[in-house]
Amino acid sequence: MPPATPPPSPAAPAEGLLARAQEVLRPALGLYLDLHAHPEPSGAEARTADRFAARLVAAGCTVTRGLGGHGVVGVLHNGAGPRVWLRAELDALPVREETGLPYASASALMHACGHDLHLAAAAGAADLLGRLADRWRGTLVVVGQPAEETLTGAAAMLGEGLYERFGRPAAVLAQHAAPLPAGTVAHAPVGVPMTAAGAVLEVVVHGRGGHAATPHLAVDPVLTAAAVVTRLQAVVARESAPAEQVTLTVGTLRAGTAANVIPDHAELGIGIRAFDEPALERALAAVHRIVRAECAASDAPRAPDLTVTSRAAPLWCDPAATAAVRRAHRHLLGAARVLDWPGSPATEDFPLFGDAGAAGHGHPGVPLVYWMLGTAPPPAPGTDTPPPPNHSPRFAPDIRRSLRPAIATLTTAALNRFTTPPDR
């Protein structure tokens, strides 16, 4: 433990951190390559959790495993001071990779949202903060959260006493890969949410199965489902104000087993995003109304089943803490590489770590700071094709240009929160 000396001034932590991040780059890169090649789905991230936990132990953390599923918590004590938390996600997506990278996943799963990069950066930041122990005082808590893609992991960890066991945070920090130029970060201005409110519904439309040669003796749920899909497009086009920025997607539609069989049910997976809770509620009500009405119009033998399987609040960052971290990032990267984020209709369960607002959950008073991390390579000469976005089978962070800034930006933000008074 270093001697008790006065903490550095808030302006000091960013100095030289891009260079110092080189010291921890090799093990962080090794973790990234390993995790990228071996993705695991939401709720089944056992190997990923073990690899992440091992890197935190190597960085000097005391590690607890198995919280809220496969959740990992690493704690690094460094004297009296605030508790600053870093959060990264463990899970991958059911996407078959098409990047052609030598370390690509060979399974039907893929780290198509950058969670492997988040984990590598968090482990690298813990390692680097351990080496910079003379520049901060307090307790670092690093969380590897399961099941972010299903929006269930944060609630599971918090429900098992995350804050009660490891201490209420002075701030929780997180970053997310985005198709911005590698080496840049983006913060949302005051009054703009980083991500939207969202809900996912599973819908079962019931019919009456039969032979394709006698459709008059059946009730075809495929036709009903098709009518639902078509009619749902009017929710955004005609029931939402243009300024509300609502999106509605039917991401899955499953029905039937053979071309000559009319099935007895069809299943739809529907995702809704909106930048505020009232707009989301109106869209949810419209979905319920339309599904029930189309089933009635088809003379379905029973009412449809509609289940909201997940719900997320908008992600609002703490204004004062975000402003301070943004200044630290400008000092680290230069003003030209710290961008404004316009908000995204993507969803997150990260709001539950702080004030989840109208959702009625979360932990009011815990400041959240969240920024987007650029991962895109420079465009090829003479082309203006945008980089593949998150969730694309071709999503591929430029790891050579992204990982070191990812470690440095997270470390800089943590040092800023350790050395800045809580009201700044």
Protein backbone atom coordinates (compact mmCIF):
# COMPACT_ATOMS: atom_id res chain seq x y z
CA MET A 1 0.00 0.00 0.00
CA PRO A 2 1.52 3.39 -0.91
CA PRO A 3 2.14 5.97 1.84
CA ALA A 4 -0.63 8.39 2.74
CA THR A 5 0.12 11.39 0.55
CA PRO A 6 -2.27 14.09 -0.68
CA PRO A 7 -4.19 13.05 -3.79
CA PRO A 8 -3.30 14.69 -7.11
CA SER A 9 -5.27 17.58 -8.47
CA PRO A 10 -8.22 16.81 -10.79
CA ALA A 11 -6.23 18.03 -13.82
CA ALA A 12 -3.36 15.62 -13.31
CA PRO A 13 -4.69 12.07 -13.85
CA ALA A 14 -4.77 12.07 -17.67
CA GLU A 15 -1.12 13.00 -18.08
CA GLY A 16 0.75 10.31 -20.00
CA LEU A 17 -1.98 7.68 -19.68
CA LEU A 18 -2.02 6.75 -23.37
CA ALA A 19 1.67 5.89 -23.04
CA ARG A 20 1.19 4.12 -19.70
CA ALA A 21 -1.61 2.01 -21.20
CA GLN A 22 1.01 0.35 -23.38
CA GLU A 23 2.32 -1.37 -20.24
CA VAL A 24 -0.87 -3.43 -19.83
CA LEU A 25 -1.73 -3.81 -23.51
CA ARG A 26 -0.35 -7.30 -24.11
CA PRO A 27 -2.43 -9.15 -21.46
CA ALA A 28 -5.50 -7.09 -22.35
CA LEU A 29 -5.08 -7.98 -26.02
CA GLY A 30 -4.66 -11.64 -25.12
CA LEU A 31 -7.94 -11.54 -23.21
CA TYR A 32 -9.70 -9.80 -26.10
CA LEU A 33 -8.55 -12.32 -28.70
CA ASP A 34 -9.51 -15.24 -26.45
CA LEU A 35 -12.98 -13.89 -25.69
CA HIS A 36 -13.67 -12.91 -29.28
CA ALA A 37 -12.90 -16.43 -30.48
CA HIS A 38 -15.01 -18.05 -27.75
CA PRO A 39 -18.25 -16.06 -27.35
CA GLU A 40 -21.00 -17.25 -25.02
CA PRO A 41 -24.72 -16.36 -24.96
CA SER A 42 -26.60 -14.38 -22.33
CA GLY A 43 -26.88 -16.31 -19.09
CA ALA A 44 -24.31 -18.94 -20.09
CA GLU A 45 -21.08 -16.93 -19.88
CA ALA A 46 -19.17 -19.35 -17.61
CA ARG A 47 -15.92 -19.48 -19.59
CA THR A 48 -15.97 -15.74 -20.29
CA ALA A 49 -16.47 -15.03 -16.58
CA ASP A 50 -13.58 -17.33 -15.64
CA ARG A 51 -11.20 -15.66 -18.10
CA PHE A 52 -12.21 -12.18 -16.97
CA ALA A 53 -11.94 -13.10 -13.30
CA ALA A 54 -8.46 -14.52 -13.86
CA ARG A 55 -7.28 -11.23 -15.39
CA LEU A 56 -8.71 -9.27 -12.47
CA VAL A 57 -6.90 -11.54 -10.02
CA ALA A 58 -3.68 -10.99 -11.97
CA ALA A 59 -4.29 -7.23 -11.64
CA GLY A 60 -4.41 -7.55 -7.87
CA CYS A 61 -8.17 -7.60 -7.34
CA THR A 62 -10.05 -9.72 -4.84
CA VAL A 63 -12.65 -11.48 -6.99
CA THR A 64 -16.15 -12.76 -6.26
CA ARG A 65 -17.87 -14.95 -8.87
CA GLY A 66 -21.37 -16.19 -9.55
CA LEU A 67 -23.37 -13.07 -8.66
CA GLY A 68 -26.65 -12.76 -10.55
CA GLY A 69 -25.69 -15.74 -12.70
CA HIS A 70 -22.12 -15.64 -13.96
CA GLY A 71 -21.46 -12.10 -12.73
CA VAL A 72 -17.93 -11.22 -11.63
CA VAL A 73 -16.91 -8.51 -9.14
CA GLY A 74 -13.27 -7.52 -8.64
CA VAL A 75 -12.26 -5.20 -5.77
CA LEU A 76 -9.01 -3.29 -5.47
CA HIS A 77 -8.57 -1.41 -2.18
CA ASN A 78 -6.18 1.55 -2.05
CA GLY A 79 -6.82 3.35 1.22
CA ALA A 80 -9.65 5.58 2.34
CA GLY A 81 -11.61 7.29 -0.40
CA PRO A 82 -14.56 6.96 -2.78
CA ARG A 83 -15.75 3.75 -4.38
CA VAL A 84 -15.53 4.03 -8.16
CA TRP A 85 -17.11 1.26 -10.19
CA LEU A 86 -16.33 0.11 -13.73
CA ARG A 87 -18.86 -2.03 -15.57
CA ALA A 88 -18.41 -4.28 -18.62
CA GLU A 89 -20.60 -7.00 -20.13
CA LEU A 90 -19.91 -10.73 -20.55
CA ASP A 91 -22.39 -11.91 -23.17
CA ALA A 92 -22.33 -12.28 -26.95
CA LEU A 93 -25.04 -12.44 -29.61
CA PRO A 94 -26.61 -15.26 -31.68
CA VAL A 95 -24.93 -13.97 -34.87
CA ARG A 96 -22.67 -16.01 -37.15
CA GLU A 97 -19.47 -14.04 -37.74
CA GLU A 98 -18.51 -12.98 -41.27
CA THR A 99 -15.47 -10.82 -40.57
CA GLY A 100 -12.86 -13.26 -41.91
CA LEU A 101 -10.57 -12.38 -39.00
CA PRO A 102 -8.02 -15.03 -37.99
CA TYR A 103 -9.48 -15.00 -34.46
CA ALA A 104 -13.13 -15.05 -35.59
CA SER A 105 -15.69 -17.15 -33.76
CA ALA A 106 -16.31 -20.53 -35.34
CA SER A 107 -19.68 -20.96 -33.63
CA ALA A 108 -23.11 -19.50 -34.30
CA LEU A 109 -22.34 -16.87 -31.67
CA MET A 110 -20.37 -13.65 -32.05
CA HIS A 111 -19.17 -10.69 -30.02
CA ALA A 112 -20.98 -8.44 -32.48
CA CYS A 113 -21.51 -5.61 -29.97
CA GLY A 114 -18.00 -5.15 -28.60
CA HIS A 115 -18.46 -6.67 -25.16
CA ASP A 116 -15.14 -8.50 -25.55
CA LEU A 117 -13.45 -5.12 -26.04
CA HIS A 118 -15.24 -3.71 -22.99
CA LEU A 119 -13.99 -6.59 -20.84
CA ALA A 120 -10.43 -6.31 -22.11
CA ALA A 121 -10.44 -2.55 -21.47
CA ALA A 122 -11.87 -2.95 -17.96
CA ALA A 123 -9.28 -5.59 -17.07
CA GLY A 124 -6.56 -3.39 -18.55
CA ALA A 125 -7.80 -0.38 -16.60
CA ALA A 126 -7.77 -2.36 -13.34
CA ASP A 127 -4.21 -3.46 -14.10
CA LEU A 128 -3.12 0.09 -14.93
CA LEU A 129 -4.83 1.61 -11.88
CA GLY A 130 -2.96 -0.87 -9.72
CA ARG A 131 0.29 0.41 -11.19
CA LEU A 132 -0.84 4.01 -10.60
CA ALA A 133 -1.75 3.48 -6.95
CA ASP A 134 0.19 6.59 -5.91
CA ARG A 135 -2.24 8.75 -7.95
CA TRP A 136 -5.52 7.85 -6.28
CA ARG A 137 -7.15 6.76 -3.01
CA GLY A 138 -10.27 4.72 -2.54
CA THR A 139 -11.72 1.42 -3.73
CA LEU A 140 -12.01 0.29 -7.33
CA VAL A 141 -14.85 -2.13 -8.08
CA VAL A 142 -14.88 -3.82 -11.50
CA VAL A 143 -18.06 -5.61 -12.60
CA GLY A 144 -18.38 -8.20 -15.35
CA GLN A 145 -22.15 -8.23 -15.89
CA PRO A 146 -23.95 -11.17 -17.48
CA ALA A 147 -27.00 -11.06 -19.75
CA GLU A 148 -26.89 -7.46 -20.92
CA GLU A 149 -28.31 -8.34 -24.34
CA THR A 150 -31.46 -9.72 -22.66
CA LEU A 151 -31.60 -6.71 -20.29
CA THR A 152 -31.75 -9.03 -17.27
CA GLY A 153 -28.19 -9.17 -15.91
CA ALA A 154 -28.00 -5.84 -14.08
CA ALA A 155 -31.26 -6.51 -12.21
CA ALA A 156 -30.05 -9.99 -11.30
CA MET A 157 -26.77 -8.74 -9.83
CA LEU A 158 -28.40 -5.85 -7.98
CA GLY A 159 -31.14 -8.15 -6.74
CA GLU A 160 -28.52 -10.36 -5.10
CA GLY A 161 -27.20 -7.45 -3.05
CA LEU A 162 -24.46 -6.04 -5.28
CA TYR A 163 -24.32 -2.64 -3.56
CA GLU A 164 -25.00 -4.04 -0.11
CA ARG A 165 -22.06 -6.44 -0.44
CA PHE A 166 -19.55 -4.20 -2.19
CA GLY A 167 -20.52 -0.67 -1.13
CA ARG A 168 -22.59 2.09 -2.68
CA PRO A 169 -20.69 3.70 -5.59
CA ALA A 170 -19.51 7.29 -5.76
CA ALA A 171 -19.85 6.79 -9.53
CA VAL A 172 -20.37 3.96 -12.01
CA LEU A 173 -18.48 4.25 -15.31
CA ALA A 174 -18.98 2.37 -18.56
CA GLN A 175 -18.12 2.72 -22.23
CA HIS A 176 -19.52 1.09 -25.35
CA ALA A 177 -18.00 0.32 -28.73
CA ALA A 178 -19.50 2.32 -31.59
CA PRO A 179 -18.74 2.71 -35.33
CA LEU A 180 -16.99 6.04 -34.74
CA PRO A 181 -13.35 6.62 -35.72
CA ALA A 182 -11.01 4.59 -33.54
CA GLY A 183 -9.34 6.73 -30.93
CA THR A 184 -12.36 8.97 -30.38
CA VAL A 185 -15.00 9.06 -27.66
CA ALA A 186 -18.47 10.62 -27.65
CA HIS A 187 -20.47 12.01 -24.73
CA ALA A 188 -24.11 13.06 -24.80
CA PRO A 189 -24.74 16.76 -24.13
CA VAL A 190 -26.87 17.76 -21.16
CA GLY A 191 -30.52 17.02 -21.88
CA VAL A 192 -29.82 14.16 -24.30
CA PRO A 193 -30.09 10.51 -23.19
CA MET A 194 -27.26 8.21 -24.24
CA THR A 195 -29.68 5.39 -25.04
CA ALA A 196 -33.42 4.98 -25.30
CA ALA A 197 -36.14 3.34 -23.27
CA GLY A 198 -37.12 -0.01 -24.70
CA ALA A 199 -39.28 -3.08 -24.35
CA VAL A 200 -39.25 -6.54 -25.89
CA LEU A 201 -42.45 -8.52 -26.36
CA GLU A 202 -43.06 -12.15 -27.20
CA VAL A 203 -46.38 -12.65 -28.97
CA VAL A 204 -48.17 -15.91 -29.73
CA VAL A 205 -50.96 -15.72 -32.31
CA HIS A 206 -53.28 -18.71 -32.15
CA GLY A 207 -54.99 -20.35 -35.09
CA ARG A 208 -56.51 -23.73 -35.91
CA GLY A 209 -54.22 -26.10 -37.72
CA GLY A 210 -55.19 -28.10 -40.76
CA HIS A 211 -54.36 -29.32 -44.25
CA ALA A 212 -53.18 -26.81 -46.82
CA ALA A 213 -55.75 -28.32 -49.23
CA THR A 214 -58.65 -27.38 -46.93
CA PRO A 215 -57.84 -23.90 -45.65
CA HIS A 216 -61.54 -23.19 -45.03
CA LEU A 217 -61.46 -25.74 -42.20
CA ALA A 218 -58.53 -23.99 -40.49
CA VAL A 219 -57.64 -20.57 -39.14
CA ASP A 220 -54.26 -19.63 -40.53
CA PRO A 221 -52.08 -17.92 -37.89
CA VAL A 222 -49.42 -17.15 -40.49
CA LEU A 223 -51.83 -14.86 -42.32
CA THR A 224 -52.77 -13.25 -39.01
CA ALA A 225 -49.10 -12.76 -38.11
CA ALA A 226 -48.42 -11.22 -41.51
CA ALA A 227 -51.30 -8.79 -40.99
CA VAL A 228 -49.91 -7.92 -37.55
CA VAL A 229 -46.46 -7.20 -38.99
CA THR A 230 -47.88 -4.96 -41.69
CA ARG A 231 -50.25 -3.10 -39.38
CA LEU A 232 -47.56 -2.52 -36.74
CA GLN A 233 -45.68 -0.29 -39.16
CA ALA A 234 -48.40 2.30 -38.66
CA VAL A 235 -47.45 2.69 -34.99
CA VAL A 236 -44.38 4.70 -35.94
CA ALA A 237 -45.67 6.10 -39.23
CA ARG A 238 -49.07 7.30 -38.03
CA GLU A 239 -49.36 7.07 -34.23
CA SER A 240 -46.05 8.58 -33.09
CA ALA A 241 -45.10 12.22 -33.46
CA PRO A 242 -42.13 12.63 -35.83
CA ALA A 243 -40.08 14.23 -33.06
CA GLU A 244 -40.58 11.28 -30.71
CA GLN A 245 -38.02 9.04 -32.44
CA VAL A 246 -39.83 5.76 -31.87
CA THR A 247 -38.69 2.55 -33.55
CA LEU A 248 -40.60 -0.74 -33.75
CA THR A 249 -39.06 -3.92 -35.15
CA VAL A 250 -40.46 -7.41 -35.60
CA GLY A 251 -37.18 -9.24 -35.21
CA THR A 252 -38.47 -12.82 -35.22
CA LEU A 253 -41.42 -14.60 -36.80
CA ARG A 254 -41.70 -18.37 -36.42
CA ALA A 255 -44.49 -20.63 -37.62
CA GLY A 256 -45.12 -23.99 -39.18
CA THR A 257 -43.23 -27.20 -39.90
CA ALA A 258 -44.16 -28.05 -43.49
CA ALA A 259 -45.46 -26.34 -46.61
CA ASN A 260 -48.62 -28.47 -46.73
CA VAL A 261 -49.58 -27.94 -43.08
CA ILE A 262 -51.38 -24.92 -41.69
CA PRO A 263 -49.91 -24.51 -38.20
CA ASP A 264 -51.91 -23.85 -35.07
CA HIS A 265 -49.86 -20.87 -33.90
CA ALA A 266 -47.27 -18.29 -34.90
CA GLU A 267 -44.73 -16.53 -32.68
CA LEU A 268 -43.42 -12.99 -33.05
CA GLY A 269 -40.61 -11.16 -31.25
CA ILE A 270 -41.16 -7.39 -31.17
CA GLY A 271 -38.78 -4.69 -30.01
CA ILE A 272 -39.82 -1.09 -29.30
CA ARG A 273 -37.50 1.86 -28.58
CA ALA A 274 -38.35 5.42 -27.60
CA PHE A 275 -36.44 8.29 -26.01
CA ASP A 276 -38.94 8.78 -23.20
CA GLU A 277 -41.24 6.57 -21.15
CA PRO A 278 -44.58 8.11 -22.26
CA ALA A 279 -43.80 7.49 -25.94
CA LEU A 280 -42.80 3.92 -25.11
CA GLU A 281 -46.03 3.35 -23.18
CA ARG A 282 -48.12 4.62 -26.10
CA ALA A 283 -46.31 2.32 -28.52
CA LEU A 284 -46.74 -0.66 -26.19
CA ALA A 285 -50.46 0.04 -25.90
CA ALA A 286 -50.74 0.25 -29.69
CA VAL A 287 -49.00 -3.11 -30.13
CA HIS A 288 -51.39 -4.78 -27.71
CA ARG A 289 -54.40 -3.20 -29.44
CA ILE A 290 -53.28 -4.13 -32.97
CA VAL A 291 -52.36 -7.72 -32.14
CA ARG A 292 -55.70 -8.34 -30.44
CA ALA A 293 -57.64 -6.64 -33.23
CA GLU A 294 -55.96 -8.64 -36.02
CA CYS A 295 -56.60 -11.87 -34.13
CA ALA A 296 -60.25 -10.93 -33.78
CA ALA A 297 -60.44 -10.03 -37.48
CA SER A 298 -59.06 -13.49 -38.32
CA ASP A 299 -61.60 -15.18 -36.02
CA ALA A 300 -58.77 -16.73 -33.99
CA PRO A 301 -60.03 -19.48 -31.67
CA ARG A 302 -58.45 -17.80 -28.63
CA ALA A 303 -56.93 -14.49 -27.63
CA PRO A 304 -53.24 -13.93 -28.32
CA ASP A 305 -50.57 -14.21 -25.64
CA LEU A 306 -48.52 -11.03 -25.19
CA THR A 307 -45.61 -11.04 -22.75
CA VAL A 308 -43.17 -8.19 -22.07
CA THR A 309 -39.94 -10.12 -21.53
CA SER A 310 -37.67 -7.15 -20.82
CA ARG A 311 -37.91 -3.43 -20.19
CA ALA A 312 -35.23 -0.72 -20.08
CA ALA A 313 -35.28 2.90 -18.99
CA PRO A 314 -33.53 5.70 -20.91
CA LEU A 315 -29.89 6.12 -19.94
CA TRP A 316 -29.36 9.59 -18.49
CA CYS A 317 -25.83 10.38 -17.40
CA ASP A 318 -25.05 12.56 -14.40
CA PRO A 319 -24.40 16.07 -15.81
CA ALA A 320 -21.67 17.19 -13.39
CA ALA A 321 -19.75 13.91 -13.39
CA THR A 322 -20.03 13.61 -17.16
CA ALA A 323 -18.74 17.15 -17.67
CA ALA A 324 -15.73 16.39 -15.48
CA VAL A 325 -14.96 13.11 -17.26
CA ARG A 326 -15.40 14.80 -20.63
CA ARG A 327 -12.81 17.41 -19.65
CA ALA A 328 -10.44 14.63 -18.61
CA HIS A 329 -10.96 12.89 -21.96
CA ARG A 330 -10.23 16.11 -23.81
CA HIS A 331 -7.00 16.40 -21.86
CA LEU A 332 -6.14 12.79 -22.72
CA LEU A 333 -7.10 12.63 -26.40
CA GLY A 334 -7.32 16.26 -27.53
CA ALA A 335 -10.48 18.26 -28.04
CA ALA A 336 -10.95 17.15 -31.66
CA ARG A 337 -11.29 13.50 -30.60
CA VAL A 338 -14.00 14.08 -27.99
CA LEU A 339 -17.30 14.23 -29.85
CA ASP A 340 -20.97 14.93 -29.11
CA TRP A 341 -23.27 11.91 -29.05
CA PRO A 342 -26.76 12.62 -30.43
CA GLY A 343 -28.43 9.81 -28.49
CA SER A 344 -29.21 6.34 -29.78
CA PRO A 345 -32.37 4.21 -29.90
CA ALA A 346 -30.29 1.31 -28.61
CA THR A 347 -31.21 0.12 -25.10
CA GLU A 348 -29.19 -0.76 -22.01
CA ASP A 349 -29.82 -2.15 -18.53
CA PHE A 350 -27.01 0.08 -17.22
CA PRO A 351 -29.56 2.67 -15.94
CA LEU A 352 -30.42 0.24 -13.14
CA PHE A 353 -26.98 0.88 -11.62
CA GLY A 354 -28.16 4.46 -11.00
CA ASP A 355 -31.44 6.30 -11.33
CA ALA A 356 -33.68 4.38 -13.72
CA GLY A 357 -36.26 7.16 -13.58
CA ALA A 358 -39.85 6.42 -14.43
CA ALA A 359 -39.22 2.67 -14.54
CA GLY A 360 -39.37 2.78 -10.74
CA HIS A 361 -36.22 0.76 -10.23
CA GLY A 362 -32.54 1.49 -9.86
CA HIS A 363 -30.58 3.45 -7.28
CA PRO A 364 -31.31 7.19 -7.29
CA GLY A 365 -28.36 9.34 -6.38
CA VAL A 366 -25.70 7.05 -7.85
CA PRO A 367 -24.02 9.06 -10.65
CA LEU A 368 -23.65 7.26 -13.98
CA VAL A 369 -21.10 8.24 -16.64
CA TYR A 370 -21.25 6.42 -19.98
CA TRP A 371 -19.62 7.25 -23.28
CA MET A 372 -19.26 5.79 -26.74
CA LEU A 373 -15.85 4.49 -27.79
CA GLY A 374 -14.81 4.75 -31.43
CA THR A 375 -13.66 1.45 -32.95
CA ALA A 376 -13.85 1.97 -36.73
CA PRO A 377 -10.73 1.85 -38.91
CA PRO A 378 -9.95 4.68 -41.32
CA PRO A 379 -11.98 4.33 -44.54
CA ALA A 380 -10.23 2.78 -47.51
CA PRO A 381 -8.91 5.37 -49.99
CA GLY A 382 -11.56 6.45 -52.46
CA THR A 383 -14.47 4.89 -50.57
CA ASP A 384 -17.17 6.34 -48.37
CA THR A 385 -18.79 3.05 -47.28
CA PRO A 386 -19.73 3.31 -43.60
CA PRO A 387 -18.24 0.71 -41.24
CA PRO A 388 -20.45 -2.24 -40.26
CA PRO A 389 -22.52 -1.28 -37.21
CA ASN A 390 -22.93 -3.15 -33.96
CA HIS A 391 -24.90 -6.41 -34.27
CA SER A 392 -23.73 -6.86 -37.86
CA PRO A 393 -22.00 -10.17 -38.68
CA ARG A 394 -19.20 -8.00 -40.12
CA PHE A 395 -18.76 -5.78 -37.05
CA ALA A 396 -15.01 -5.74 -36.38
CA PRO A 397 -13.36 -3.20 -34.08
CA ASP A 398 -9.97 -2.00 -35.26
CA ILE A 399 -8.35 -3.50 -32.20
CA ARG A 400 -4.90 -2.08 -32.95
CA ARG A 401 -6.30 1.46 -32.82
CA SER A 402 -9.06 0.87 -30.24
CA LEU A 403 -7.79 -1.13 -27.29
CA ARG A 404 -5.13 1.21 -25.93
CA PRO A 405 -7.46 4.26 -26.03
CA ALA A 406 -10.20 2.10 -24.48
CA ILE A 407 -7.95 1.28 -21.52
CA ALA A 408 -6.73 4.87 -21.21
CA THR A 409 -10.17 6.51 -21.40
CA LEU A 410 -11.59 4.20 -18.73
CA THR A 411 -8.55 4.69 -16.50
CA THR A 412 -8.68 8.47 -16.97
CA ALA A 413 -12.35 8.56 -16.04
CA ALA A 414 -11.74 6.45 -12.93
CA LEU A 415 -8.86 8.67 -11.81
CA ASN A 416 -11.02 11.73 -12.35
CA ARG A 417 -13.74 10.34 -10.10
CA PHE A 418 -11.22 9.32 -7.45
CA THR A 419 -9.62 12.77 -7.35
CA THR A 420 -12.58 15.10 -8.00
CA PRO A 421 -14.88 16.19 -5.15
CA PRO A 422 -18.33 14.53 -5.39
CA ASP A 423 -20.11 17.78 -6.31
CA ARG A 424 -17.99 18.36 -9.42
